[in-house]
mmCIF file of all heavy atoms, coordinates in Angstrom:
data_MODEL
# 
_entry.id   MODEL 
# 
loop_
_atom_site.group_PDB 
_atom_site.id 
_atom_site.type_symbol 
_atom_site.label_atom_id 
_atom_site.label_alt_id 
_atom_site.label_comp_id 
_atom_site.label_asym_id 
_atom_site.label_entity_id 
_atom_site.label_seq_id 
_atom_site.pdbx_PDB_ins_code 
_atom_site.Cartn_x 
_atom_site.Cartn_y 
_atom_site.Cartn_z 
_atom_site.occupancy 
_atom_site.B_iso_or_equiv 
_atom_site.pdbx_formal_charge 
_atom_site.auth_seq_id 
_atom_site.auth_comp_id 
_atom_site.auth_asym_id 
_atom_site.auth_atom_id 
_atom_site.pdbx_PDB_model_num 
ATOM 1   N N   . ARG A 1 1  ? 64.001 123.153 -37.735 1.00 0.00 ? 1  ARG A N   1 
ATOM 2   C CA  . ARG A 1 1  ? 65.412 122.963 -37.439 1.00 0.00 ? 1  ARG A CA  1 
ATOM 3   C C   . ARG A 1 1  ? 65.654 123.210 -35.954 1.00 0.00 ? 1  ARG A C   1 
ATOM 4   O O   . ARG A 1 1  ? 65.217 124.217 -35.395 1.00 0.00 ? 1  ARG A O   1 
ATOM 5   C CB  . ARG A 1 1  ? 66.259 123.939 -38.256 1.00 0.00 ? 1  ARG A CB  1 
ATOM 6   C CG  . ARG A 1 1  ? 67.762 123.729 -38.088 1.00 0.00 ? 1  ARG A CG  1 
ATOM 7   C CD  . ARG A 1 1  ? 68.551 124.792 -38.794 1.00 0.00 ? 1  ARG A CD  1 
ATOM 8   N NE  . ARG A 1 1  ? 68.321 126.113 -38.205 1.00 0.00 ? 1  ARG A NE  1 
ATOM 9   C CZ  . ARG A 1 1  ? 69.104 127.167 -38.404 1.00 0.00 ? 1  ARG A CZ  1 
ATOM 10  N NH1 . ARG A 1 1  ? 70.149 127.071 -39.202 1.00 0.00 ? 1  ARG A NH1 1 
ATOM 11  N NH2 . ARG A 1 1  ? 68.839 128.321 -37.848 1.00 0.00 ? 1  ARG A NH2 1 
ATOM 12  N N   . VAL A 1 2  ? 66.330 122.291 -35.306 1.00 0.00 ? 2  VAL A N   1 
ATOM 13  C CA  . VAL A 1 2  ? 66.588 122.381 -33.871 1.00 0.00 ? 2  VAL A CA  1 
ATOM 14  C C   . VAL A 1 2  ? 68.091 122.323 -33.641 1.00 0.00 ? 2  VAL A C   1 
ATOM 15  O O   . VAL A 1 2  ? 68.790 121.481 -34.221 1.00 0.00 ? 2  VAL A O   1 
ATOM 16  C CB  . VAL A 1 2  ? 65.886 121.234 -33.100 1.00 0.00 ? 2  VAL A CB  1 
ATOM 17  C CG1 . VAL A 1 2  ? 66.183 121.324 -31.616 1.00 0.00 ? 2  VAL A CG1 1 
ATOM 18  C CG2 . VAL A 1 2  ? 64.389 121.267 -33.350 1.00 0.00 ? 2  VAL A CG2 1 
ATOM 19  N N   . LEU A 1 3  ? 68.586 123.237 -32.798 1.00 0.00 ? 3  LEU A N   1 
ATOM 20  C CA  . LEU A 1 3  ? 69.995 123.254 -32.418 1.00 0.00 ? 3  LEU A CA  1 
ATOM 21  C C   . LEU A 1 3  ? 70.178 122.322 -31.231 1.00 0.00 ? 3  LEU A C   1 
ATOM 22  O O   . LEU A 1 3  ? 69.513 122.490 -30.193 1.00 0.00 ? 3  LEU A O   1 
ATOM 23  C CB  . LEU A 1 3  ? 70.432 124.679 -32.066 1.00 0.00 ? 3  LEU A CB  1 
ATOM 24  C CG  . LEU A 1 3  ? 70.256 125.719 -33.173 1.00 0.00 ? 3  LEU A CG  1 
ATOM 25  C CD1 . LEU A 1 3  ? 70.652 127.100 -32.677 1.00 0.00 ? 3  LEU A CD1 1 
ATOM 26  C CD2 . LEU A 1 3  ? 71.074 125.349 -34.398 1.00 0.00 ? 3  LEU A CD2 1 
ATOM 27  N N   . ILE A 1 4  ? 71.061 121.354 -31.341 1.00 0.00 ? 4  ILE A N   1 
ATOM 28  C CA  . ILE A 1 4  ? 71.192 120.321 -30.319 1.00 0.00 ? 4  ILE A CA  1 
ATOM 29  C C   . ILE A 1 4  ? 72.648 120.166 -29.895 1.00 0.00 ? 4  ILE A C   1 
ATOM 30  O O   . ILE A 1 4  ? 73.554 120.748 -30.491 1.00 0.00 ? 4  ILE A O   1 
ATOM 31  C CB  . ILE A 1 4  ? 70.641 118.957 -30.804 1.00 0.00 ? 4  ILE A CB  1 
ATOM 32  C CG1 . ILE A 1 4  ? 71.466 118.457 -31.992 1.00 0.00 ? 4  ILE A CG1 1 
ATOM 33  C CG2 . ILE A 1 4  ? 69.174 119.087 -31.182 1.00 0.00 ? 4  ILE A CG2 1 
ATOM 34  C CD1 . ILE A 1 4  ? 71.079 117.046 -32.433 1.00 0.00 ? 4  ILE A CD1 1 
ATOM 35  N N   . GLY A 1 5  ? 72.843 119.353 -28.850 1.00 0.00 ? 5  GLY A N   1 
ATOM 36  C CA  . GLY A 1 5  ? 74.191 119.051 -28.373 1.00 0.00 ? 5  GLY A CA  1 
ATOM 37  C C   . GLY A 1 5  ? 74.612 119.871 -27.176 1.00 0.00 ? 5  GLY A C   1 
ATOM 38  O O   . GLY A 1 5  ? 75.696 119.639 -26.613 1.00 0.00 ? 5  GLY A O   1 
ATOM 39  N N   . GLY A 1 6  ? 73.786 120.842 -26.751 1.00 0.00 ? 6  GLY A N   1 
ATOM 40  C CA  . GLY A 1 6  ? 74.142 121.680 -25.613 1.00 0.00 ? 6  GLY A CA  1 
ATOM 41  C C   . GLY A 1 6  ? 73.746 121.056 -24.286 1.00 0.00 ? 6  GLY A C   1 
ATOM 42  O O   . GLY A 1 6  ? 73.116 120.001 -24.218 1.00 0.00 ? 6  GLY A O   1 
ATOM 43  N N   . ASP A 1 7  ? 74.136 121.712 -23.198 1.00 0.00 ? 7  ASP A N   1 
ATOM 44  C CA  . ASP A 1 7  ? 73.751 121.278 -21.861 1.00 0.00 ? 7  ASP A CA  1 
ATOM 45  C C   . ASP A 1 7  ? 72.237 121.378 -21.698 1.00 0.00 ? 7  ASP A C   1 
ATOM 46  O O   . ASP A 1 7  ? 71.558 122.162 -22.384 1.00 0.00 ? 7  ASP A O   1 
ATOM 47  C CB  . ASP A 1 7  ? 74.423 122.146 -20.792 1.00 0.00 ? 7  ASP A CB  1 
ATOM 48  C CG  . ASP A 1 7  ? 75.930 121.951 -20.743 1.00 0.00 ? 7  ASP A CG  1 
ATOM 49  O OD1 . ASP A 1 7  ? 76.403 120.866 -21.144 1.00 0.00 ? 7  ASP A OD1 1 
ATOM 50  O OD2 . ASP A 1 7  ? 76.630 122.894 -20.310 1.00 0.00 ? 7  ASP A OD2 1 
ATOM 51  N N   . ILE A 1 8  ? 71.703 120.601 -20.754 1.00 0.00 ? 8  ILE A N   1 
ATOM 52  C CA  . ILE A 1 8  ? 70.280 120.657 -20.409 1.00 0.00 ? 8  ILE A CA  1 
ATOM 53  C C   . ILE A 1 8  ? 70.160 121.176 -18.980 1.00 0.00 ? 8  ILE A C   1 
ATOM 54  O O   . ILE A 1 8  ? 70.745 120.586 -18.053 1.00 0.00 ? 8  ILE A O   1 
ATOM 55  C CB  . ILE A 1 8  ? 69.618 119.275 -20.529 1.00 0.00 ? 8  ILE A CB  1 
ATOM 56  C CG1 . ILE A 1 8  ? 69.684 118.782 -21.973 1.00 0.00 ? 8  ILE A CG1 1 
ATOM 57  C CG2 . ILE A 1 8  ? 68.166 119.341 -20.068 1.00 0.00 ? 8  ILE A CG2 1 
ATOM 58  C CD1 . ILE A 1 8  ? 69.145 117.366 -22.143 1.00 0.00 ? 8  ILE A CD1 1 
ATOM 59  N N   . ILE A 1 9  ? 69.435 122.271 -18.798 1.00 0.00 ? 9  ILE A N   1 
ATOM 60  C CA  . ILE A 1 9  ? 69.221 122.819 -17.452 1.00 0.00 ? 9  ILE A CA  1 
ATOM 61  C C   . ILE A 1 9  ? 68.144 121.997 -16.757 1.00 0.00 ? 9  ILE A C   1 
ATOM 62  O O   . ILE A 1 9  ? 67.019 121.887 -17.242 1.00 0.00 ? 9  ILE A O   1 
ATOM 63  C CB  . ILE A 1 9  ? 68.793 124.296 -17.515 1.00 0.00 ? 9  ILE A CB  1 
ATOM 64  C CG1 . ILE A 1 9  ? 69.855 125.137 -18.224 1.00 0.00 ? 9  ILE A CG1 1 
ATOM 65  C CG2 . ILE A 1 9  ? 68.535 124.839 -16.113 1.00 0.00 ? 9  ILE A CG2 1 
ATOM 66  C CD1 . ILE A 1 9  ? 69.443 126.588 -18.426 1.00 0.00 ? 9  ILE A CD1 1 
ATOM 67  N N   . LEU A 1 10 ? 68.506 121.436 -15.608 1.00 0.00 ? 10 LEU A N   1 
ATOM 68  C CA  . LEU A 1 10 ? 67.556 120.653 -14.816 1.00 0.00 ? 10 LEU A CA  1 
ATOM 69  C C   . LEU A 1 10 ? 67.005 121.458 -13.639 1.00 0.00 ? 10 LEU A C   1 
ATOM 70  O O   . LEU A 1 10 ? 65.852 121.258 -13.227 1.00 0.00 ? 10 LEU A O   1 
ATOM 71  C CB  . LEU A 1 10 ? 68.221 119.378 -14.288 1.00 0.00 ? 10 LEU A CB  1 
ATOM 72  C CG  . LEU A 1 10 ? 68.793 118.418 -15.342 1.00 0.00 ? 10 LEU A CG  1 
ATOM 73  C CD1 . LEU A 1 10 ? 69.448 117.228 -14.648 1.00 0.00 ? 10 LEU A CD1 1 
ATOM 74  C CD2 . LEU A 1 10 ? 67.703 117.966 -16.302 1.00 0.00 ? 10 LEU A CD2 1 
ATOM 75  N N   . ALA A 1 11 ? 67.838 122.352 -13.067 1.00 0.00 ? 11 ALA A N   1 
ATOM 76  C CA  . ALA A 1 11 ? 67.417 123.120 -11.899 1.00 0.00 ? 11 ALA A CA  1 
ATOM 77  C C   . ALA A 1 11 ? 68.226 124.413 -11.824 1.00 0.00 ? 11 ALA A C   1 
ATOM 78  O O   . ALA A 1 11 ? 69.350 124.488 -12.336 1.00 0.00 ? 11 ALA A O   1 
ATOM 79  C CB  . ALA A 1 11 ? 67.592 122.311 -10.616 1.00 0.00 ? 11 ALA A CB  1 
ATOM 80  N N   . VAL A 1 12 ? 67.620 125.428 -11.200 1.00 0.00 ? 12 VAL A N   1 
ATOM 81  C CA  . VAL A 1 12 ? 68.314 126.678 -10.898 1.00 0.00 ? 12 VAL A CA  1 
ATOM 82  C C   . VAL A 1 12 ? 68.195 126.897 -9.394  1.00 0.00 ? 12 VAL A C   1 
ATOM 83  O O   . VAL A 1 12 ? 67.084 126.917 -8.849  1.00 0.00 ? 12 VAL A O   1 
ATOM 84  C CB  . VAL A 1 12 ? 67.710 127.868 -11.656 1.00 0.00 ? 12 VAL A CB  1 
ATOM 85  C CG1 . VAL A 1 12 ? 68.461 129.151 -11.306 1.00 0.00 ? 12 VAL A CG1 1 
ATOM 86  C CG2 . VAL A 1 12 ? 67.731 127.623 -13.163 1.00 0.00 ? 12 VAL A CG2 1 
ATOM 87  N N   . ASN A 1 13 ? 69.338 127.043 -8.724  1.00 0.00 ? 13 ASN A N   1 
ATOM 88  C CA  . ASN A 1 13 ? 69.359 127.164 -7.257  1.00 0.00 ? 13 ASN A CA  1 
ATOM 89  C C   . ASN A 1 13 ? 68.558 126.035 -6.603  1.00 0.00 ? 13 ASN A C   1 
ATOM 90  O O   . ASN A 1 13 ? 67.765 126.261 -5.673  1.00 0.00 ? 13 ASN A O   1 
ATOM 91  C CB  . ASN A 1 13 ? 68.816 128.526 -6.816  1.00 0.00 ? 13 ASN A CB  1 
ATOM 92  C CG  . ASN A 1 13 ? 69.759 129.665 -7.178  1.00 0.00 ? 13 ASN A CG  1 
ATOM 93  O OD1 . ASN A 1 13 ? 70.879 129.440 -7.639  1.00 0.00 ? 13 ASN A OD1 1 
ATOM 94  N ND2 . ASN A 1 13 ? 69.306 130.891 -6.993  1.00 0.00 ? 13 ASN A ND2 1 
ATOM 95  N N   . ASP A 1 14 ? 68.725 124.837 -7.147  1.00 0.00 ? 14 ASP A N   1 
ATOM 96  C CA  . ASP A 1 14 ? 68.067 123.616 -6.650  1.00 0.00 ? 14 ASP A CA  1 
ATOM 97  C C   . ASP A 1 14 ? 66.555 123.595 -6.880  1.00 0.00 ? 14 ASP A C   1 
ATOM 98  O O   . ASP A 1 14 ? 65.879 122.691 -6.386  1.00 0.00 ? 14 ASP A O   1 
ATOM 99  C CB  . ASP A 1 14 ? 68.347 123.402 -5.156  1.00 0.00 ? 14 ASP A CB  1 
ATOM 100 C CG  . ASP A 1 14 ? 69.828 123.176 -4.877  1.00 0.00 ? 14 ASP A CG  1 
ATOM 101 O OD1 . ASP A 1 14 ? 70.494 122.531 -5.719  1.00 0.00 ? 14 ASP A OD1 1 
ATOM 102 O OD2 . ASP A 1 14 ? 70.317 123.654 -3.837  1.00 0.00 ? 14 ASP A OD2 1 
ATOM 103 N N   . GLN A 1 15 ? 66.034 124.563 -7.620  1.00 0.00 ? 15 GLN A N   1 
ATOM 104 C CA  . GLN A 1 15 ? 64.617 124.581 -7.961  1.00 0.00 ? 15 GLN A CA  1 
ATOM 105 C C   . GLN A 1 15 ? 64.442 123.892 -9.318  1.00 0.00 ? 15 GLN A C   1 
ATOM 106 O O   . GLN A 1 15 ? 64.984 124.353 -10.328 1.00 0.00 ? 15 GLN A O   1 
ATOM 107 C CB  . GLN A 1 15 ? 64.091 126.016 -8.049  1.00 0.00 ? 15 GLN A CB  1 
ATOM 108 C CG  . GLN A 1 15 ? 62.659 126.154 -8.520  1.00 0.00 ? 15 GLN A CG  1 
ATOM 109 C CD  . GLN A 1 15 ? 61.663 125.594 -7.530  1.00 0.00 ? 15 GLN A CD  1 
ATOM 110 O OE1 . GLN A 1 15 ? 61.831 125.731 -6.333  1.00 0.00 ? 15 GLN A OE1 1 
ATOM 111 N NE2 . GLN A 1 15 ? 60.625 124.944 -8.032  1.00 0.00 ? 15 GLN A NE2 1 
ATOM 112 N N   . PRO A 1 16 ? 63.692 122.768 -9.379  1.00 0.00 ? 16 PRO A N   1 
ATOM 113 C CA  . PRO A 1 16 ? 63.517 122.076 -10.667 1.00 0.00 ? 16 PRO A CA  1 
ATOM 114 C C   . PRO A 1 16 ? 62.908 122.996 -11.724 1.00 0.00 ? 16 PRO A C   1 
ATOM 115 O O   . PRO A 1 16 ? 62.011 123.791 -11.447 1.00 0.00 ? 16 PRO A O   1 
ATOM 116 C CB  . PRO A 1 16 ? 62.562 120.933 -10.319 1.00 0.00 ? 16 PRO A CB  1 
ATOM 117 C CG  . PRO A 1 16 ? 62.753 120.708 -8.859  1.00 0.00 ? 16 PRO A CG  1 
ATOM 118 C CD  . PRO A 1 16 ? 63.021 122.068 -8.266  1.00 0.00 ? 16 PRO A CD  1 
ATOM 119 N N   . ILE A 1 17 ? 63.413 122.867 -12.947 1.00 0.00 ? 17 ILE A N   1 
ATOM 120 C CA  . ILE A 1 17 ? 62.950 123.673 -14.077 1.00 0.00 ? 17 ILE A CA  1 
ATOM 121 C C   . ILE A 1 17 ? 62.348 122.727 -15.111 1.00 0.00 ? 17 ILE A C   1 
ATOM 122 O O   . ILE A 1 17 ? 63.011 121.807 -15.584 1.00 0.00 ? 17 ILE A O   1 
ATOM 123 C CB  . ILE A 1 17 ? 64.119 124.461 -14.707 1.00 0.00 ? 17 ILE A CB  1 
ATOM 124 C CG1 . ILE A 1 17 ? 64.721 125.435 -13.682 1.00 0.00 ? 17 ILE A CG1 1 
ATOM 125 C CG2 . ILE A 1 17 ? 63.671 125.195 -15.960 1.00 0.00 ? 17 ILE A CG2 1 
ATOM 126 C CD1 . ILE A 1 17 ? 63.779 126.500 -13.188 1.00 0.00 ? 17 ILE A CD1 1 
ATOM 127 N N   . ASP A 1 18 ? 61.071 122.947 -15.458 1.00 0.00 ? 18 ASP A N   1 
ATOM 128 C CA  . ASP A 1 18 ? 60.414 122.019 -16.385 1.00 0.00 ? 18 ASP A CA  1 
ATOM 129 C C   . ASP A 1 18 ? 60.380 122.525 -17.824 1.00 0.00 ? 18 ASP A C   1 
ATOM 130 O O   . ASP A 1 18 ? 59.980 121.791 -18.728 1.00 0.00 ? 18 ASP A O   1 
ATOM 131 C CB  . ASP A 1 18 ? 59.002 121.678 -15.918 1.00 0.00 ? 18 ASP A CB  1 
ATOM 132 C CG  . ASP A 1 18 ? 58.107 122.902 -15.821 1.00 0.00 ? 18 ASP A CG  1 
ATOM 133 O OD1 . ASP A 1 18 ? 58.477 123.973 -16.348 1.00 0.00 ? 18 ASP A OD1 1 
ATOM 134 O OD2 . ASP A 1 18 ? 57.026 122.789 -15.205 1.00 0.00 ? 18 ASP A OD2 1 
ATOM 135 N N   . GLY A 1 19 ? 60.778 123.780 -18.057 1.00 0.00 ? 19 GLY A N   1 
ATOM 136 C CA  . GLY A 1 19 ? 60.764 124.303 -19.416 1.00 0.00 ? 19 GLY A CA  1 
ATOM 137 C C   . GLY A 1 19 ? 61.277 125.729 -19.474 1.00 0.00 ? 19 GLY A C   1 
ATOM 138 O O   . GLY A 1 19 ? 61.660 126.323 -18.458 1.00 0.00 ? 19 GLY A O   1 
ATOM 139 N N   . TRP A 1 20 ? 61.277 126.283 -20.675 1.00 0.00 ? 20 TRP A N   1 
ATOM 140 C CA  . TRP A 1 20 ? 61.841 127.617 -20.905 1.00 0.00 ? 20 TRP A CA  1 
ATOM 141 C C   . TRP A 1 20 ? 61.108 128.696 -20.119 1.00 0.00 ? 20 TRP A C   1 
ATOM 142 O O   . TRP A 1 20 ? 61.726 129.579 -19.527 1.00 0.00 ? 20 TRP A O   1 
ATOM 143 C CB  . TRP A 1 20 ? 61.820 127.918 -22.395 1.00 0.00 ? 20 TRP A CB  1 
ATOM 144 C CG  . TRP A 1 20 ? 62.342 129.278 -22.769 1.00 0.00 ? 20 TRP A CG  1 
ATOM 145 C CD1 . TRP A 1 20 ? 61.659 130.291 -23.355 1.00 0.00 ? 20 TRP A CD1 1 
ATOM 146 C CD2 . TRP A 1 20 ? 63.684 129.766 -22.575 1.00 0.00 ? 20 TRP A CD2 1 
ATOM 147 N NE1 . TRP A 1 20 ? 62.478 131.388 -23.541 1.00 0.00 ? 20 TRP A NE1 1 
ATOM 148 C CE2 . TRP A 1 20 ? 63.737 131.083 -23.074 1.00 0.00 ? 20 TRP A CE2 1 
ATOM 149 C CE3 . TRP A 1 20 ? 64.844 129.208 -22.035 1.00 0.00 ? 20 TRP A CE3 1 
ATOM 150 C CZ2 . TRP A 1 20 ? 64.876 131.863 -23.037 1.00 0.00 ? 20 TRP A CZ2 1 
ATOM 151 C CZ3 . TRP A 1 20 ? 66.004 129.994 -21.997 1.00 0.00 ? 20 TRP A CZ3 1 
ATOM 152 C CH2 . TRP A 1 20 ? 66.012 131.293 -22.501 1.00 0.00 ? 20 TRP A CH2 1 
ATOM 153 N N   . LEU A 1 21 ? 59.776 128.641 -20.091 1.00 0.00 ? 21 LEU A N   1 
ATOM 154 C CA  . LEU A 1 21 ? 59.013 129.652 -19.369 1.00 0.00 ? 21 LEU A CA  1 
ATOM 155 C C   . LEU A 1 21 ? 59.278 129.562 -17.866 1.00 0.00 ? 21 LEU A C   1 
ATOM 156 O O   . LEU A 1 21 ? 59.383 130.587 -17.184 1.00 0.00 ? 21 LEU A O   1 
ATOM 157 C CB  . LEU A 1 21 ? 57.520 129.485 -19.663 1.00 0.00 ? 21 LEU A CB  1 
ATOM 158 C CG  . LEU A 1 21 ? 56.629 130.696 -19.360 1.00 0.00 ? 21 LEU A CG  1 
ATOM 159 C CD1 . LEU A 1 21 ? 57.060 131.898 -20.167 1.00 0.00 ? 21 LEU A CD1 1 
ATOM 160 C CD2 . LEU A 1 21 ? 55.177 130.363 -19.649 1.00 0.00 ? 21 LEU A CD2 1 
ATOM 161 N N   . SER A 1 22 ? 59.402 128.361 -17.372 1.00 0.00 ? 22 SER A N   1 
ATOM 162 C CA  . SER A 1 22 ? 59.724 128.157 -15.962 1.00 0.00 ? 22 SER A CA  1 
ATOM 163 C C   . SER A 1 22 ? 61.092 128.742 -15.625 1.00 0.00 ? 22 SER A C   1 
ATOM 164 O O   . SER A 1 22 ? 61.281 129.368 -14.568 1.00 0.00 ? 22 SER A O   1 
ATOM 165 C CB  . SER A 1 22 ? 59.688 126.667 -15.632 1.00 0.00 ? 22 SER A CB  1 
ATOM 166 O OG  . SER A 1 22 ? 60.174 126.399 -14.343 1.00 0.00 ? 22 SER A OG  1 
ATOM 167 N N   . TYR A 1 23 ? 62.041 128.566 -16.537 1.00 0.00 ? 23 TYR A N   1 
ATOM 168 C CA  . TYR A 1 23 ? 63.382 129.141 -16.340 1.00 0.00 ? 23 TYR A CA  1 
ATOM 169 C C   . TYR A 1 23 ? 63.330 130.663 -16.301 1.00 0.00 ? 23 TYR A C   1 
ATOM 170 O O   . TYR A 1 23 ? 63.888 131.298 -15.390 1.00 0.00 ? 23 TYR A O   1 
ATOM 171 C CB  . TYR A 1 23 ? 64.312 128.667 -17.459 1.00 0.00 ? 23 TYR A CB  1 
ATOM 172 C CG  . TYR A 1 23 ? 65.570 129.482 -17.610 1.00 0.00 ? 23 TYR A CG  1 
ATOM 173 C CD1 . TYR A 1 23 ? 66.664 129.276 -16.783 1.00 0.00 ? 23 TYR A CD1 1 
ATOM 174 C CD2 . TYR A 1 23 ? 65.650 130.485 -18.583 1.00 0.00 ? 23 TYR A CD2 1 
ATOM 175 C CE1 . TYR A 1 23 ? 67.815 130.046 -16.912 1.00 0.00 ? 23 TYR A CE1 1 
ATOM 176 C CE2 . TYR A 1 23 ? 66.789 131.257 -18.719 1.00 0.00 ? 23 TYR A CE2 1 
ATOM 177 C CZ  . TYR A 1 23 ? 67.866 131.036 -17.886 1.00 0.00 ? 23 TYR A CZ  1 
ATOM 178 O OH  . TYR A 1 23 ? 69.000 131.799 -18.008 1.00 0.00 ? 23 TYR A OH  1 
ATOM 179 N N   . LEU A 1 24 ? 62.646 131.261 -17.277 1.00 0.00 ? 24 LEU A N   1 
ATOM 180 C CA  . LEU A 1 24 ? 62.559 132.729 -17.328 1.00 0.00 ? 24 LEU A CA  1 
ATOM 181 C C   . LEU A 1 24 ? 61.899 133.290 -16.072 1.00 0.00 ? 24 LEU A C   1 
ATOM 182 O O   . LEU A 1 24 ? 62.343 134.306 -15.523 1.00 0.00 ? 24 LEU A O   1 
ATOM 183 C CB  . LEU A 1 24 ? 61.769 133.160 -18.561 1.00 0.00 ? 24 LEU A CB  1 
ATOM 184 C CG  . LEU A 1 24 ? 62.429 132.959 -19.926 1.00 0.00 ? 24 LEU A CG  1 
ATOM 185 C CD1 . LEU A 1 24 ? 61.473 133.401 -21.032 1.00 0.00 ? 24 LEU A CD1 1 
ATOM 186 C CD2 . LEU A 1 24 ? 63.735 133.726 -20.025 1.00 0.00 ? 24 LEU A CD2 1 
ATOM 187 N N   . GLU A 1 25 ? 60.830 132.632 -15.618 1.00 0.00 ? 25 GLU A N   1 
ATOM 188 C CA  . GLU A 1 25 ? 60.111 133.120 -14.434 1.00 0.00 ? 25 GLU A CA  1 
ATOM 189 C C   . GLU A 1 25 ? 60.995 133.066 -13.186 1.00 0.00 ? 25 GLU A C   1 
ATOM 190 O O   . GLU A 1 25 ? 61.013 134.007 -12.383 1.00 0.00 ? 25 GLU A O   1 
ATOM 191 C CB  . GLU A 1 25 ? 58.846 132.293 -14.223 1.00 0.00 ? 25 GLU A CB  1 
ATOM 192 C CG  . GLU A 1 25 ? 58.012 132.752 -13.037 1.00 0.00 ? 25 GLU A CG  1 
ATOM 193 C CD  . GLU A 1 25 ? 56.696 132.022 -12.936 1.00 0.00 ? 25 GLU A CD  1 
ATOM 194 O OE1 . GLU A 1 25 ? 56.430 131.133 -13.769 1.00 0.00 ? 25 GLU A OE1 1 
ATOM 195 O OE2 . GLU A 1 25 ? 55.923 132.330 -12.003 1.00 0.00 ? 25 GLU A OE2 1 
ATOM 196 N N   . PHE A 1 26 ? 61.733 131.971 -13.026 1.00 0.00 ? 26 PHE A N   1 
ATOM 197 C CA  . PHE A 1 26 ? 62.586 131.863 -11.842 1.00 0.00 ? 26 PHE A CA  1 
ATOM 198 C C   . PHE A 1 26 ? 63.678 132.930 -11.856 1.00 0.00 ? 26 PHE A C   1 
ATOM 199 O O   . PHE A 1 26 ? 63.934 133.582 -10.833 1.00 0.00 ? 26 PHE A O   1 
ATOM 200 C CB  . PHE A 1 26 ? 63.217 130.474 -11.755 1.00 0.00 ? 26 PHE A CB  1 
ATOM 201 C CG  . PHE A 1 26 ? 63.970 130.249 -10.477 1.00 0.00 ? 26 PHE A CG  1 
ATOM 202 C CD1 . PHE A 1 26 ? 63.335 129.714 -9.373  1.00 0.00 ? 26 PHE A CD1 1 
ATOM 203 C CD2 . PHE A 1 26 ? 65.319 130.593 -10.366 1.00 0.00 ? 26 PHE A CD2 1 
ATOM 204 C CE1 . PHE A 1 26 ? 64.016 129.520 -8.177  1.00 0.00 ? 26 PHE A CE1 1 
ATOM 205 C CE2 . PHE A 1 26 ? 66.004 130.404 -9.179  1.00 0.00 ? 26 PHE A CE2 1 
ATOM 206 C CZ  . PHE A 1 26 ? 65.363 129.869 -8.083  1.00 0.00 ? 26 PHE A CZ  1 
ATOM 207 N N   . ILE A 1 27 ? 64.339 133.113 -12.987 1.00 0.00 ? 27 ILE A N   1 
ATOM 208 C CA  . ILE A 1 27 ? 65.411 134.106 -13.068 1.00 0.00 ? 27 ILE A CA  1 
ATOM 209 C C   . ILE A 1 27 ? 64.870 135.504 -12.791 1.00 0.00 ? 27 ILE A C   1 
ATOM 210 O O   . ILE A 1 27 ? 65.479 136.296 -12.056 1.00 0.00 ? 27 ILE A O   1 
ATOM 211 C CB  . ILE A 1 27 ? 66.101 134.050 -14.447 1.00 0.00 ? 27 ILE A CB  1 
ATOM 212 C CG1 . ILE A 1 27 ? 66.820 132.711 -14.649 1.00 0.00 ? 27 ILE A CG1 1 
ATOM 213 C CG2 . ILE A 1 27 ? 67.081 135.214 -14.618 1.00 0.00 ? 27 ILE A CG2 1 
ATOM 214 C CD1 . ILE A 1 27 ? 67.918 132.449 -13.648 1.00 0.00 ? 27 ILE A CD1 1 
ATOM 215 N N   . GLU A 1 28 ? 63.688 135.817 -13.338 1.00 0.00 ? 28 GLU A N   1 
ATOM 216 C CA  . GLU A 1 28 ? 63.123 137.161 -13.173 1.00 0.00 ? 28 GLU A CA  1 
ATOM 217 C C   . GLU A 1 28 ? 62.668 137.437 -11.744 1.00 0.00 ? 28 GLU A C   1 
ATOM 218 O O   . GLU A 1 28 ? 62.919 138.513 -11.201 1.00 0.00 ? 28 GLU A O   1 
ATOM 219 C CB  . GLU A 1 28 ? 61.951 137.352 -14.140 1.00 0.00 ? 28 GLU A CB  1 
ATOM 220 C CG  . GLU A 1 28 ? 61.177 138.642 -13.960 1.00 0.00 ? 28 GLU A CG  1 
ATOM 221 C CD  . GLU A 1 28 ? 61.977 139.895 -14.268 1.00 0.00 ? 28 GLU A CD  1 
ATOM 222 O OE1 . GLU A 1 28 ? 62.976 139.816 -15.001 1.00 0.00 ? 28 GLU A OE1 1 
ATOM 223 O OE2 . GLU A 1 28 ? 61.592 140.974 -13.770 1.00 0.00 ? 28 GLU A OE2 1 
ATOM 224 N N   . LEU A 1 29 ? 61.990 136.471 -11.140 1.00 0.00 ? 29 LEU A N   1 
ATOM 225 C CA  . LEU A 1 29 ? 61.351 136.723 -9.846  1.00 0.00 ? 29 LEU A CA  1 
ATOM 226 C C   . LEU A 1 29 ? 62.197 136.326 -8.646  1.00 0.00 ? 29 LEU A C   1 
ATOM 227 O O   . LEU A 1 29 ? 62.011 136.874 -7.549  1.00 0.00 ? 29 LEU A O   1 
ATOM 228 C CB  . LEU A 1 29 ? 60.011 135.982 -9.776  1.00 0.00 ? 29 LEU A CB  1 
ATOM 229 C CG  . LEU A 1 29 ? 58.965 136.356 -10.833 1.00 0.00 ? 29 LEU A CG  1 
ATOM 230 C CD1 . LEU A 1 29 ? 57.673 135.590 -10.578 1.00 0.00 ? 29 LEU A CD1 1 
ATOM 231 C CD2 . LEU A 1 29 ? 58.706 137.854 -10.843 1.00 0.00 ? 29 LEU A CD2 1 
# 
């Protein structure tokens, strides 16, 4: 089961984000 219909994060602070782990790493570091 997948929850859908939400926004898609493409970048954080103009840094491209390719997936969930990439997002977590950028926010943390």
